[in-house]
Structures are given as C-alpha cells and as structure tokens.
Amino acid sequence: MGNDDKRIRAIELLKAKAHELGRLPKKSDLSPEEVCFIKQKLGPFPRALEAAGLKPVTKPSAALLSKQKRRRAALRRKLAKKQEGELLPSENNRMEDMK
C-alpha cells in the first residue's frame, strides 16, 4: 500500500466516523491505533479534519504562505523595474543610439 493510499484510507476513516456520528469526530471517538494512524498520515488532528474536508481551513499552510510571499516579491520587483524604466527614458534613448 503506497503512501497516497494510506493517506486516502485515513481520510476515508475520518469521513466514515463523521457520517456514523453525524458530527465532527473527536479523538476520543476513535481507537488509539486509529488516532495514531490518522496523525501519522495527516498531521495534528485539527489539520486532519481539514484535510478530510470536514472542517474549514483555519490557518493557511506554510507552503501556501511561502508561495504568496514569493509572488508578492516578484510583483514588487516587476513594478520597481517598470518604474525604473519610466523614470529614465533618456538612458533608454542613449542605449538605442549606441546600437
């Protein structure tokens, strides 16, 4: 059984328990072995509930925050380059004259 298969199995376990209970499952609703398996594959219990789609995401992941930060930095660099080009048109003309 691959890692993705085990992750899917952990998600299905949570979803089945939620359907059976008619509410969000708690750690106490599951056996210690099931809780351990879920936490191994999906992380802390609140994040596991989010991964299973049973609970809305409350905190963005570090990877998502990092991606957003890189996009903002790239946008700032692009805008700075554009402003630099607009501020120095005489330099651009000199470069064309040298060709």
PDB file of N, CA and C in Angstrom:
ATOM      1  N   MET A   1       0.850  -1.173   0.000  1.00  0.00           N
ATOM      2  CA  MET A   1       0.000   0.000   0.000  1.00  0.00           C
ATOM      3  C   MET A   1       0.900   1.243   0.000  1.00  0.00           C
ATOM      4  N   GLY A   2       0.714   2.126  -0.974  1.00  0.00           N
ATOM      5  CA  GLY A   2       1.529   3.320  -1.085  1.00  0.00           C
ATOM      6  C   GLY A   2       1.144   4.387  -0.067  1.00  0.00           C
ATOM      7  N   ASN A   3       1.978   5.402  -0.001  1.00  0.00           N
ATOM      8  CA  ASN A   3       1.749   6.499   0.940  1.00  0.00           C
ATOM      9  C   ASN A   3       0.438   7.221   0.646  1.00  0.00           C
ATOM     10  N   ASP A   4       0.156   7.444  -0.646  1.00  0.00           N
ATOM     11  CA  ASP A   4      -1.097   8.112  -1.013  1.00  0.00           C
ATOM     12  C   ASP A   4      -2.305   7.251  -0.641  1.00  0.00           C
ATOM     13  N   ASP A   5      -2.171   5.952  -0.814  1.00  0.00           N
ATOM     14  CA  ASP A   5      -3.266   5.043  -0.457  1.00  0.00           C
ATOM     15  C   ASP A   5      -3.563   5.112   1.041  1.00  0.00           C
ATOM     16  N   LYS A   6      -2.508   5.174   1.843  1.00  0.00           N
ATOM     17  CA  LYS A   6      -2.693   5.248   3.288  1.00  0.00           C
ATOM     18  C   LYS A   6      -3.311   6.584   3.684  1.00  0.00           C
ATOM     19  N   ARG A   7      -2.899   7.641   2.999  1.00  0.00           N
ATOM     20  CA  ARG A   7      -3.474   8.967   3.270  1.00  0.00           C
ATOM     21  C   ARG A   7      -4.973   8.955   2.951  1.00  0.00           C
ATOM     22  N   ILE A   8      -5.320   8.375   1.819  1.00  0.00           N
ATOM     23  CA  ILE A   8      -6.723   8.275   1.416  1.00  0.00           C
ATOM     24  C   ILE A   8      -7.502   7.431   2.421  1.00  0.00           C
ATOM     25  N   ARG A   9      -6.867   6.353   2.882  1.00  0.00           N
ATOM     26  CA  ARG A   9      -7.522   5.492   3.870  1.00  0.00           C
ATOM     27  C   ARG A   9      -7.790   6.249   5.171  1.00  0.00           C
ATOM     28  N   ALA A  10      -6.844   7.096   5.587  1.00  0.00           N
ATOM     29  CA  ALA A  10      -7.023   7.895   6.807  1.00  0.00           C
ATOM     30  C   ALA A  10      -8.175   8.890   6.631  1.00  0.00           C
ATOM     31  N   ILE A  11      -8.246   9.514   5.456  1.00  0.00           N
ATOM     32  CA  ILE A  11      -9.329  10.459   5.172  1.00  0.00           C
ATOM     33  C   ILE A  11     -10.675   9.741   5.171  1.00  0.00           C
ATOM     34  N   GLU A  12     -10.724   8.562   4.532  1.00  0.00           N
ATOM     35  CA  GLU A  12     -11.973   7.792   4.495  1.00  0.00           C
ATOM     36  C   GLU A  12     -12.400   7.358   5.895  1.00  0.00           C
ATOM     37  N   LEU A  13     -11.440   7.024   6.729  1.00  0.00           N
ATOM     38  CA  LEU A  13     -11.728   6.638   8.107  1.00  0.00           C
ATOM     39  C   LEU A  13     -12.394   7.795   8.860  1.00  0.00           C
ATOM     40  N   LEU A  14     -11.846   8.990   8.700  1.00  0.00           N
ATOM     41  CA  LEU A  14     -12.428  10.171   9.348  1.00  0.00           C
ATOM     42  C   LEU A  14     -13.829  10.473   8.814  1.00  0.00           C
ATOM     43  N   LYS A  15     -13.975  10.409   7.496  1.00  0.00           N
ATOM     44  CA  LYS A  15     -15.280  10.698   6.893  1.00  0.00           C
ATOM     45  C   LYS A  15     -16.336   9.680   7.322  1.00  0.00           C
ATOM     46  N   ALA A  16     -15.955   8.416   7.374  1.00  0.00           N
ATOM     47  CA  ALA A  16     -16.896   7.373   7.790  1.00  0.00           C
ATOM     48  C   ALA A  16     -17.330   7.587   9.244  1.00  0.00           C
ATOM     49  N   LYS A  17     -16.389   7.940  10.098  1.00  0.00           N
ATOM     50  CA  LYS A  17     -16.711   8.175  11.501  1.00  0.00           C
ATOM     51  C   LYS A  17     -17.612   9.404  11.635  1.00  0.00           C
ATOM     52  N   ALA A  18     -17.363  10.442  10.857  1.00  0.00           N
ATOM     53  CA  ALA A  18     -18.205  11.637  10.893  1.00  0.00           C
ATOM     54  C   ALA A  18     -19.624  11.301  10.436  1.00  0.00           C
ATOM     55  N   HIS A  19     -19.733  10.491   9.396  1.00  0.00           N
ATOM     56  CA  HIS A  19     -21.055  10.092   8.888  1.00  0.00           C
ATOM     57  C   HIS A  19     -21.788   9.247   9.930  1.00  0.00           C
ATOM     58  N   GLU A  20     -21.051   8.343  10.560  1.00  0.00           N
ATOM     59  CA  GLU A  20     -21.637   7.469  11.583  1.00  0.00           C
ATOM     60  C   GLU A  20     -22.141   8.272  12.787  1.00  0.00           C
ATOM     61  N   LEU A  21     -21.358   9.275  13.203  1.00  0.00           N
ATOM     62  CA  LEU A  21     -21.708  10.072  14.385  1.00  0.00           C
ATOM     63  C   LEU A  21     -22.672  11.212  14.070  1.00  0.00           C
ATOM     64  N   GLY A  22     -22.646  11.685  12.827  1.00  0.00           N
ATOM     65  CA  GLY A  22     -23.473  12.831  12.451  1.00  0.00           C
ATOM     66  C   GLY A  22     -22.887  14.150  12.937  1.00  0.00           C
ATOM     67  N   ARG A  23     -21.621  14.153  13.269  1.00  0.00           N
ATOM     68  CA  ARG A  23     -20.905  15.356  13.721  1.00  0.00           C
ATOM     69  C   ARG A  23     -19.418  15.138  13.482  1.00  0.00           C
ATOM     70  N   LEU A  24     -18.621  16.167  13.763  1.00  0.00           N
ATOM     71  CA  LEU A  24     -17.178  16.015  13.649  1.00  0.00           C
ATOM     72  C   LEU A  24     -16.689  14.991  14.675  1.00  0.00           C
ATOM     73  N   PRO A  25     -15.866  14.065  14.253  1.00  0.00           N
ATOM     74  CA  PRO A  25     -15.344  13.097  15.219  1.00  0.00           C
ATOM     75  C   PRO A  25     -14.304  13.744  16.128  1.00  0.00           C
ATOM     76  N   LYS A  26     -14.234  13.248  17.346  1.00  0.00           N
ATOM     77  CA  LYS A  26     -13.202  13.668  18.290  1.00  0.00           C
ATOM     78  C   LYS A  26     -12.200  12.535  18.387  1.00  0.00           C
ATOM     79  N   LYS A  27     -11.036  12.845  18.925  1.00  0.00           N
ATOM     80  CA  LYS A  27     -10.042  11.784  19.109  1.00  0.00           C
ATOM     81  C   LYS A  27     -10.596  10.673  19.993  1.00  0.00           C
ATOM     82  N   SER A  28     -11.405  11.047  20.971  1.00  0.00           N
ATOM     83  CA  SER A  28     -11.958  10.050  21.893  1.00  0.00           C
ATOM     84  C   SER A  28     -12.970   9.121  21.213  1.00  0.00           C
ATOM     85  N   ASP A  29     -13.465   9.495  20.019  1.00  0.00           N
ATOM     86  CA  ASP A  29     -14.398   8.649  19.275  1.00  0.00           C
ATOM     87  C   ASP A  29     -13.678   7.526  18.529  1.00  0.00           C
ATOM     88  N   LEU A  30     -12.374   7.634  18.436  1.00  0.00           N
ATOM     89  CA  LEU A  30     -11.576   6.668  17.680  1.00  0.00           C
ATOM     90  C   LEU A  30     -10.676   5.884  18.631  1.00  0.00           C
ATOM     91  N   SER A  31     -10.252   4.726  18.172  1.00  0.00           N
ATOM     92  CA  SER A  31      -9.320   3.935  18.987  1.00  0.00           C
ATOM     93  C   SER A  31      -7.941   4.606  18.952  1.00  0.00           C
ATOM     94  N   PRO A  32      -7.106   4.341  19.942  1.00  0.00           N
ATOM     95  CA  PRO A  32      -5.758   4.938  19.942  1.00  0.00           C
ATOM     96  C   PRO A  32      -4.954   4.587  18.691  1.00  0.00           C
ATOM     97  N   GLU A  33      -5.140   3.382  18.168  1.00  0.00           N
ATOM     98  CA  GLU A  33      -4.433   2.976  16.950  1.00  0.00           C
ATOM     99  C   GLU A  33      -4.904   3.798  15.745  1.00  0.00           C
ATOM    100  N   GLU A  34      -6.209   4.042  15.668  1.00  0.00           N
ATOM    101  CA  GLU A  34      -6.752   4.844  14.560  1.00  0.00           C
ATOM    102  C   GLU A  34      -6.258   6.282  14.652  1.00  0.00           C
ATOM    103  N   VAL A  35      -6.255   6.837  15.860  1.00  0.00           N
ATOM    104  CA  VAL A  35      -5.785   8.215  16.056  1.00  0.00           C
ATOM    105  C   VAL A  35      -4.317   8.312  15.648  1.00  0.00           C
ATOM    106  N   CYS A  36      -3.517   7.351  16.057  1.00  0.00           N
ATOM    107  CA  CYS A  36      -2.095   7.338  15.715  1.00  0.00           C
ATOM    108  C   CYS A  36      -1.907   7.270  14.194  1.00  0.00           C
ATOM    109  N   PHE A  37      -2.658   6.400  13.524  1.00  0.00           N
ATOM    110  CA  PHE A  37      -2.571   6.245  12.073  1.00  0.00           C
ATOM    111  C   PHE A  37      -2.955   7.554  11.372  1.00  0.00           C
ATOM    112  N   ILE A  38      -4.047   8.163  11.819  1.00  0.00           N
ATOM    113  CA  ILE A  38      -4.513   9.410  11.211  1.00  0.00           C
ATOM    114  C   ILE A  38      -3.475  10.513  11.393  1.00  0.00           C
ATOM    115  N   LYS A  39      -2.935  10.627  12.581  1.00  0.00           N
ATOM    116  CA  LYS A  39      -1.947  11.676  12.849  1.00  0.00           C
ATOM    117  C   LYS A  39      -0.658  11.450  12.066  1.00  0.00           C
ATOM    118  N   GLN A  40      -0.285  10.180  11.845  1.00  0.00           N
ATOM    119  CA  GLN A  40       0.913   9.884  11.052  1.00  0.00           C
ATOM    120  C   GLN A  40       0.736  10.330   9.608  1.00  0.00           C
ATOM    121  N   LYS A  41      -0.448  10.110   9.077  1.00  0.00           N
ATOM    122  CA  LYS A  41      -0.680  10.376   7.653  1.00  0.00           C
ATOM    123  C   LYS A  41      -1.163  11.797   7.358  1.00  0.00           C
ATOM    124  N   LEU A  42      -1.873  12.423   8.314  1.00  0.00           N
ATOM    125  CA  LEU A  42      -2.490  13.726   8.039  1.00  0.00           C
ATOM    126  C   LEU A  42      -2.033  14.840   8.965  1.00  0.00           C
ATOM    127  N   GLY A  43      -1.225  14.533   9.957  1.00  0.00           N
ATOM    128  CA  GLY A  43      -0.748  15.552  10.874  1.00  0.00           C
ATOM    129  C   GLY A  43      -1.648  15.694  12.085  1.00  0.00           C
ATOM    130  N   PRO A  44      -1.522  16.812  12.799  1.00  0.00           N
ATOM    131  CA  PRO A  44      -2.332  17.023  14.008  1.00  0.00           C
ATOM    132  C   PRO A  44      -3.822  16.872  13.710  1.00  0.00           C
ATOM    133  N   PHE A  45      -4.574  16.480  14.714  1.00  0.00           N
ATOM    134  CA  PHE A  45      -5.980  16.137  14.499  1.00  0.00           C
ATOM    135  C   PHE A  45      -6.789  17.265  13.840  1.00  0.00           C
ATOM    136  N   PRO A  46      -6.641  18.529  14.268  1.00  0.00           N
ATOM    137  CA  PRO A  46      -7.399  19.586  13.577  1.00  0.00           C
ATOM    138  C   PRO A  46      -7.036  19.700  12.090  1.00  0.00           C
ATOM    139  N   ARG A  47      -5.737  19.552  11.758  1.00  0.00           N
ATOM    140  CA  ARG A  47      -5.323  19.597  10.347  1.00  0.00           C
ATOM    141  C   ARG A  47      -5.856  18.375   9.596  1.00  0.00           C
ATOM    142  N   ALA A  48      -5.959  17.235  10.286  1.00  0.00           N
ATOM    143  CA  ALA A  48      -6.500  16.021   9.663  1.00  0.00           C
ATOM    144  C   ALA A  48      -7.964  16.229   9.292  1.00  0.00           C
ATOM    145  N   LEU A  49      -8.716  16.861  10.175  1.00  0.00           N
ATOM    146  CA  LEU A  49     -10.132  17.149   9.872  1.00  0.00           C
ATOM    147  C   LEU A  49     -10.239  18.089   8.681  1.00  0.00           C
ATOM    148  N   GLU A  50      -9.309  19.050   8.594  1.00  0.00           N
ATOM    149  CA  GLU A  50      -9.290  19.970   7.453  1.00  0.00           C
ATOM    150  C   GLU A  50      -8.933  19.217   6.171  1.00  0.00           C
ATOM    151  N   ALA A  51      -7.955  18.325   6.244  1.00  0.00           N
ATOM    152  CA  ALA A  51      -7.534  17.549   5.065  1.00  0.00           C
ATOM    153  C   ALA A  51      -8.664  16.664   4.562  1.00  0.00           C
ATOM    154  N   ALA A  52      -9.493  16.178   5.477  1.00  0.00           N
ATOM    155  CA  ALA A  52     -10.616  15.329   5.092  1.00  0.00           C
ATOM    156  C   ALA A  52     -11.800  16.144   4.583  1.00  0.00           C
ATOM    157  N   GLY A  53     -11.719  17.463   4.691  1.00  0.00           N
ATOM    158  CA  GLY A  53     -12.805  18.317   4.223  1.00  0.00           C
ATOM    159  C   GLY A  53     -13.968  18.390   5.195  1.00  0.00           C
ATOM    160  N   LEU A  54     -13.735  17.994   6.436  1.00  0.00           N
ATOM    161  CA  LEU A  54     -14.802  18.006   7.441  1.00  0.00           C
ATOM    162  C   LEU A  54     -14.866  19.334   8.188  1.00  0.00           C
ATOM    163  N   LYS A  55     -13.793  20.083   8.128  1.00  0.00           N
ATOM    164  CA  LYS A  55     -13.692  21.335   8.871  1.00  0.00           C
ATOM    165  C   LYS A  55     -13.047  22.358   7.939  1.00  0.00           C
ATOM    166  N   PRO A  56     -13.514  23.607   7.955  1.00  0.00           N
ATOM    167  CA  PRO A  56     -12.880  24.604   7.084  1.00  0.00           C
ATOM    168  C   PRO A  56     -11.444  24.887   7.545  1.00  0.00           C
ATOM    169  N   VAL A  57     -10.602  25.218   6.589  1.00  0.00           N
ATOM    170  CA  VAL A  57      -9.201  25.513   6.892  1.00  0.00           C
ATOM    171  C   VAL A  57      -9.138  26.817   7.681  1.00  0.00           C
ATOM    172  N   THR A  58      -8.512  26.756   8.846  1.00  0.00           N
ATOM    173  CA  THR A  58      -8.442  27.943   9.700  1.00  0.00           C
ATOM    174  C   THR A  58      -7.126  28.679   9.549  1.00  0.00           C
ATOM    175  N   LYS A  59      -6.061  27.968   9.221  1.00  0.00           N
ATOM    176  CA  LYS A  59      -4.752  28.580   9.103  1.00  0.00           C
ATOM    177  C   LYS A  59      -4.107  28.077   7.820  1.00  0.00           C
ATOM    178  N   PRO A  60      -3.676  28.982   6.954  1.00  0.00           N
ATOM    179  CA  PRO A  60      -3.048  28.528   5.724  1.00  0.00           C
ATOM    180  C   PRO A  60      -1.736  27.785   6.015  1.00  0.00           C
ATOM    181  N   SER A  61      -1.383  26.875   5.153  1.00  0.00           N
ATOM    182  CA  SER A  61      -0.164  26.097   5.346  1.00  0.00           C
ATOM    183  C   SER A  61       1.066  26.973   5.128  1.00  0.00           C
ATOM    184  N   ALA A  62       2.180  26.529   5.660  1.00  0.00           N
ATOM    185  CA  ALA A  62       3.446  27.256   5.492  1.00  0.00           C
ATOM    186  C   ALA A  62       3.816  27.327   4.017  1.00  0.00           C
ATOM    187  N   ALA A  63       3.544  26.271   3.274  1.00  0.00           N
ATOM    188  CA  ALA A  63       3.863  26.254   1.839  1.00  0.00           C
ATOM    189  C   ALA A  63       3.050  27.316   1.098  1.00  0.00           C
ATOM    190  N   LEU A  64       1.774  27.442   1.446  1.00  0.00           N
ATOM    191  CA  LEU A  64       0.931  28.439   0.799  1.00  0.00           C
ATOM    192  C   LEU A  64       1.405  29.849   1.151  1.00  0.00           C
ATOM    193  N   LEU A  65       1.728  30.090   2.409  1.00  0.00           N
ATOM    194  CA  LEU A  65       2.220  31.404   2.817  1.00  0.00           C
ATOM    195  C   LEU A  65       3.519  31.749   2.101  1.00  0.00           C
ATOM    196  N   SER A  66       4.402  30.778   1.961  1.00  0.00           N
ATOM    197  CA  SER A  66       5.668  30.991   1.276  1.00  0.00           C
ATOM    198  C   SER A  66       5.442  31.319  -0.200  1.00  0.00           C
ATOM    199  N   LYS A  67       4.516  30.615  -0.825  1.00  0.00           N
ATOM    200  CA  LYS A  67       4.197  30.858  -2.237  1.00  0.00           C
ATOM    201  C   LYS A  67       3.647  32.270  -2.426  1.00  0.00           C
ATOM    202  N   GLN A  68       2.759  32.687  -1.529  1.00  0.00           N
ATOM    203  CA  GLN A  68       2.190  34.028  -1.609  1.00  0.00           C
ATOM    204  C   GLN A  68       3.275  35.085  -1.427  1.00  0.00           C
ATOM    205  N   LYS A  69       4.209  34.841  -0.520  1.00  0.00           N
ATOM    206  CA  LYS A  69       5.298  35.780  -0.262  1.00  0.00           C
ATOM    207  C   LYS A  69       6.190  35.920  -1.501  1.00  0.00           C
ATOM    208  N   ARG A  70       6.497  34.786  -2.157  1.00  0.00           N
ATOM    209  CA  ARG A  70       7.316  34.836  -3.373  1.00  0.00           C
ATOM    210  C   ARG A  70       6.610  35.608  -4.483  1.00  0.00           C
ATOM    211  N   ARG A  71       5.291  35.407  -4.611  1.00  0.00           N
ATOM    212  CA  ARG A  71       4.537  36.135  -5.644  1.00  0.00           C
ATOM    213  C   ARG A  71       4.555  37.638  -5.388  1.00  0.00           C
ATOM    214  N   ARG A  72       4.371  38.029  -4.116  1.00  0.00           N
ATOM    215  CA  ARG A  72       4.409  39.461  -3.786  1.00  0.00           C
ATOM    216  C   ARG A  72       5.780  40.057  -4.083  1.00  0.00           C
ATOM    217  N   ALA A  73       6.848  39.326  -3.761  1.00  0.00           N
ATOM    218  CA  ALA A  73       8.204  39.808  -4.013  1.00  0.00           C
ATOM    219  C   ALA A  73       8.448  39.955  -5.514  1.00  0.00           C
ATOM    220  N   ALA A  74       7.998  38.997  -6.293  1.00  0.00           N
ATOM    221  CA  ALA A  74       8.165  39.060  -7.745  1.00  0.00           C
ATOM    222  C   ALA A  74       7.401  40.247  -8.319  1.00  0.00           C
ATOM    223  N   LEU A  75       6.211  40.482  -7.800  1.00  0.00           N
ATOM    224  CA  LEU A  75       5.411  41.615  -8.269  1.00  0.00           C
ATOM    225  C   LEU A  75       6.103  42.933  -7.924  1.00  0.00           C
ATOM    226  N   ARG A  76       6.648  43.020  -6.707  1.00  0.00           N
ATOM    227  CA  ARG A  76       7.368  44.244  -6.317  1.00  0.00           C
ATOM    228  C   ARG A  76       8.579  44.484  -7.217  1.00  0.00           C
ATOM    229  N   ARG A  77       9.329  43.415  -7.524  1.00  0.00           N
ATOM    230  CA  ARG A  77      10.493  43.559  -8.410  1.00  0.00           C
ATOM    231  C   ARG A  77      10.063  44.019  -9.800  1.00  0.00           C
ATOM    232  N   LYS A  78       8.974  43.442 -10.285  1.00  0.00           N
ATOM    233  CA  LYS A  78       8.477  43.797 -11.619  1.00  0.00           C
ATOM    234  C   LYS A  78       8.045  45.262 -11.664  1.00  0.00           C
ATOM    235  N   LEU A  79       7.326  45.693 -10.627  1.00  0.00           N
ATOM    236  CA  LEU A  79       6.896  47.089 -10.572  1.00  0.00           C
ATOM    237  C   LEU A  79       8.082  48.035 -10.449  1.00  0.00           C
ATOM    238  N   ALA A  80       9.077  47.662  -9.666  1.00  0.00           N
ATOM    239  CA  ALA A  80      10.272  48.501  -9.499  1.00  0.00           C
ATOM    240  C   ALA A  80      11.011  48.638 -10.825  1.00  0.00           C
ATOM    241  N   LYS A  81      11.109  47.543 -11.572  1.00  0.00           N
ATOM    242  CA  LYS A  81      11.770  47.582 -12.874  1.00  0.00           C
ATOM    243  C   LYS A  81      11.007  48.477 -13.841  1.00  0.00           C
ATOM    244  N   LYS A  82       9.676  48.362 -13.796  1.00  0.00           N
ATOM    245  CA  LYS A  82       8.843  49.163 -14.692  1.00  0.00           C
ATOM    246  C   LYS A  82       8.993  50.640 -14.356  1.00  0.00           C
ATOM    247  N   GLN A  83       8.955  50.979 -13.063  1.00  0.00           N
ATOM    248  CA  GLN A  83       9.107  52.373 -12.647  1.00  0.00           C
ATOM    249  C   GLN A  83      10.493  52.893 -13.001  1.00  0.00           C
ATOM    250  N   GLU A  84      11.492  52.065 -12.867  1.00  0.00           N
ATOM    251  CA  GLU A  84      12.855  52.458 -13.204  1.00  0.00           C
ATOM    252  C   GLU A  84      12.947  52.795 -14.688  1.00  0.00           C
ATOM    253  N   GLY A  85      12.288  52.006 -15.517  1.00  0.00           N
ATOM    254  CA  GLY A  85      12.284  52.253 -16.958  1.00  0.00           C
ATOM    255  C   GLY A  85      11.535  53.518 -17.310  1.00  0.00           C
ATOM    256  N   GLU A  86      10.476  53.837 -16.573  1.00  0.00           N
ATOM    257  CA  GLU A  86       9.695  55.041 -16.842  1.00  0.00           C
ATOM    258  C   GLU A  86      10.440  56.297 -16.383  1.00  0.00           C
ATOM    259  N   LEU A  87      11.241  56.176 -15.350  1.00  0.00           N
ATOM    260  CA  LEU A  87      11.943  57.326 -14.803  1.00  0.00           C
ATOM    261  C   LEU A  87      13.165  57.700 -15.625  1.00  0.00           C
ATOM    262  N   LEU A  88      13.719  56.768 -16.363  1.00  0.00           N
ATOM    263  CA  LEU A  88      14.965  57.019 -17.077  1.00  0.00           C
ATOM    264  C   LEU A  88      14.829  56.815 -18.588  1.00  0.00           C
ATOM    265  N   PRO A  89      13.904  57.526 -19.244  1.00  0.00           N
ATOM    266  CA  PRO A  89      13.767  57.325 -20.693  1.00  0.00           C
ATOM    267  C   PRO A  89      14.987  57.831 -21.454  1.00  0.00           C
ATOM    268  N   SER A  90      15.679  58.835 -20.927  1.00  0.00           N
ATOM    269  CA  SER A  90      16.853  59.358 -21.628  1.00  0.00           C
ATOM    270  C   SER A  90      17.947  58.297 -21.702  1.00  0.00           C
ATOM    271  N   GLU A  91      18.067  57.477 -20.679  1.00  0.00           N
ATOM    272  CA  GLU A  91      19.041  56.404 -20.707  1.00  0.00           C
ATOM    273  C   GLU A  91      18.691  55.390 -21.765  1.00  0.00           C
ATOM    274  N   ASN A  92      17.399  55.096 -21.908  1.00  0.00           N
ATOM    275  CA  ASN A  92      16.950  54.159 -22.928  1.00  0.00           C
ATOM    276  C   ASN A  92      17.302  54.686 -24.329  1.00  0.00           C
ATOM    277  N   ASN A  93      17.131  55.999 -24.542  1.00  0.00           N
ATOM    278  CA  ASN A  93      17.439  56.593 -25.836  1.00  0.00           C
ATOM    279  C   ASN A  93      18.949  56.496 -26.101  1.00  0.00           C
ATOM    280  N   ARG A  94      19.760  56.719 -25.074  1.00  0.00           N
ATOM    281  CA  ARG A  94      21.205  56.629 -25.245  1.00  0.00           C
ATOM    282  C   ARG A  94      21.618  55.211 -25.632  1.00  0.00           C
ATOM    283  N   MET A  95      20.977  54.235 -25.044  1.00  0.00           N
ATOM    284  CA  MET A  95      21.313  52.848 -25.349  1.00  0.00           C
ATOM    285  C   MET A  95      20.961  52.530 -26.819  1.00  0.00           C
ATOM    286  N   GLU A  96      19.854  53.066 -27.279  1.00  0.00           N
ATOM    287  CA  GLU A  96      19.460  52.833 -28.671  1.00  0.00           C
ATOM    288  C   GLU A  96      20.417  53.534 -29.629  1.00  0.00           C
ATOM    289  N   ASP A  97      20.922  54.712 -29.240  1.00  0.00           N
ATOM    290  CA  ASP A  97      21.871  55.451 -30.101  1.00  0.00           C
ATOM    291  C   ASP A  97      23.183  54.694 -30.235  1.00  0.00           C
ATOM    292  N   MET A  98      23.553  53.930 -29.221  1.00  0.00           N
ATOM    293  CA  MET A  98      24.810  53.205 -29.240  1.00  0.00           C
ATOM    294  C   MET A  98      24.762  51.999 -30.164  1.00  0.00           C
ATOM    295  N   LYS A  99      23.585  51.534 -30.507  1.00  0.00           N
ATOM    296  CA  LYS A  99      23.446  50.330 -31.345  1.00  0.00           C
ATOM    297  C   LYS A  99      23.860  50.561 -32.759  1.00  0.00           C
TER     298      LYS A  99
END
